Amino acid sequence: MKKKKETIKQEGKILTYCGPDIKGVVKSFTSFRTVPPELAKAAEECPAINKLIVPVSEIAETRKQLRIYGSAEQIFSNKITEFFKKG
């Protein structure tokens, strides 16, 4: 049985947002122990954000996947970009 990946609820770990910059909210590859309130609010509006908040140990693999056309990470990144372009 596959374990569901819980990205935003990993207390005690250092997390990194690997998505595109979100003006006034977060810059790409920002690390934190607790998800900033602005980012949590943005993630409620655009759930793809949660998929690109990863533990520090997964940054290298996530960056690699972001460069692969059609990967889940790249699709989530594009969804975030499109969502925040709308306004």
Protein backbone atom coordinates (compact mmCIF):
# COMPACT_ATOMS: atom_id res chain seq x y z
CA MET A 1 0.00 0.00 0.00
CA LYS A 2 1.43 3.37 -1.03
CA LYS A 3 1.83 5.99 1.65
CA LYS A 4 0.29 9.36 0.81
CA LYS A 5 2.89 12.11 0.57
CA GLU A 6 2.13 14.73 3.20
CA THR A 7 4.08 17.76 2.14
CA ILE A 8 2.76 20.68 4.13
CA LYS A 9 2.28 18.80 7.43
CA GLN A 10 5.83 17.65 8.11
CA GLU A 11 6.49 19.27 11.46
CA GLY A 12 10.06 19.48 12.69
CA LYS A 13 11.54 19.16 9.21
CA ILE A 14 12.99 21.92 7.10
CA LEU A 15 10.80 22.35 4.05
CA THR A 16 11.50 24.14 0.78
CA TYR A 17 9.09 25.64 -1.70
CA CYS A 18 10.30 24.55 -5.15
CA GLY A 19 7.68 26.25 -7.30
CA PRO A 20 7.85 29.51 -9.22
CA ASP A 21 8.10 32.87 -7.44
CA ILE A 22 4.74 34.12 -6.19
CA LYS A 23 4.87 37.90 -5.97
CA GLY A 24 4.30 39.10 -2.42
CA VAL A 25 4.14 35.55 -1.06
CA VAL A 26 7.31 33.50 -1.58
CA LYS A 27 10.39 33.19 -3.77
CA SER A 28 11.37 29.93 -5.40
CA PHE A 29 13.51 27.61 -3.25
CA THR A 30 12.75 29.38 0.03
CA SER A 31 13.23 27.12 3.08
CA PHE A 32 11.33 27.22 6.38
CA ARG A 33 10.43 25.09 9.39
CA THR A 34 6.83 26.29 9.46
CA VAL A 35 4.88 27.15 6.33
CA PRO A 36 4.45 30.95 6.29
CA PRO A 37 0.81 32.06 6.67
CA GLU A 38 0.85 33.81 3.27
CA LEU A 39 2.01 30.61 1.57
CA ALA A 40 -0.54 28.49 3.43
CA LYS A 41 -3.30 30.85 2.29
CA ALA A 42 -2.04 30.74 -1.30
CA ALA A 43 -1.95 26.91 -1.11
CA GLU A 44 -5.63 26.89 -0.13
CA GLU A 45 -6.40 28.85 -3.30
CA CYS A 46 -4.01 26.85 -5.51
CA PRO A 47 -3.49 23.30 -4.16
CA ALA A 48 -0.64 22.62 -6.63
CA ILE A 49 1.56 24.67 -4.28
CA ASN A 50 1.40 21.87 -1.68
CA LYS A 51 2.95 19.46 -4.17
CA LEU A 52 6.04 21.65 -4.50
CA ILE A 53 6.71 22.09 -0.79
CA VAL A 54 9.21 19.34 -0.10
CA PRO A 55 11.66 18.31 2.64
CA VAL A 56 15.21 19.55 2.07
CA SER A 57 16.27 15.96 1.37
CA GLU A 58 14.06 15.95 -1.76
CA ILE A 59 15.21 19.24 -3.31
CA ALA A 60 17.70 17.71 -5.77
CA GLU A 61 15.18 15.21 -7.13
CA THR A 62 12.45 17.85 -7.33
CA ARG A 63 14.74 20.22 -9.26
CA LYS A 64 15.59 17.38 -11.63
CA GLN A 65 11.91 16.61 -12.19
CA LEU A 66 11.08 20.29 -12.79
CA ARG A 67 13.33 20.19 -15.87
CA ILE A 68 11.60 17.14 -17.37
CA TYR A 69 8.85 18.06 -19.81
CA GLY A 70 5.54 16.60 -18.69
CA SER A 71 6.68 15.55 -15.20
CA ALA A 72 4.21 16.03 -12.36
CA GLU A 73 6.46 18.66 -10.81
CA GLN A 74 6.63 20.65 -14.04
CA ILE A 75 2.86 20.44 -14.47
CA PHE A 76 2.30 21.68 -10.90
CA SER A 77 4.75 24.53 -11.48
CA ASN A 78 2.93 25.53 -14.67
CA LYS A 79 -0.44 25.40 -12.86
CA ILE A 80 0.90 27.74 -10.16
CA THR A 81 2.27 30.16 -12.76
CA GLU A 82 -1.04 30.19 -14.66
CA PHE A 83 -3.10 30.56 -11.48
CA PHE A 84 -1.21 33.65 -10.32
CA LYS A 85 -1.09 35.20 -13.81
CA LYS A 86 -4.89 35.33 -13.70
CA GLY A 87 -4.66 37.60 -10.74
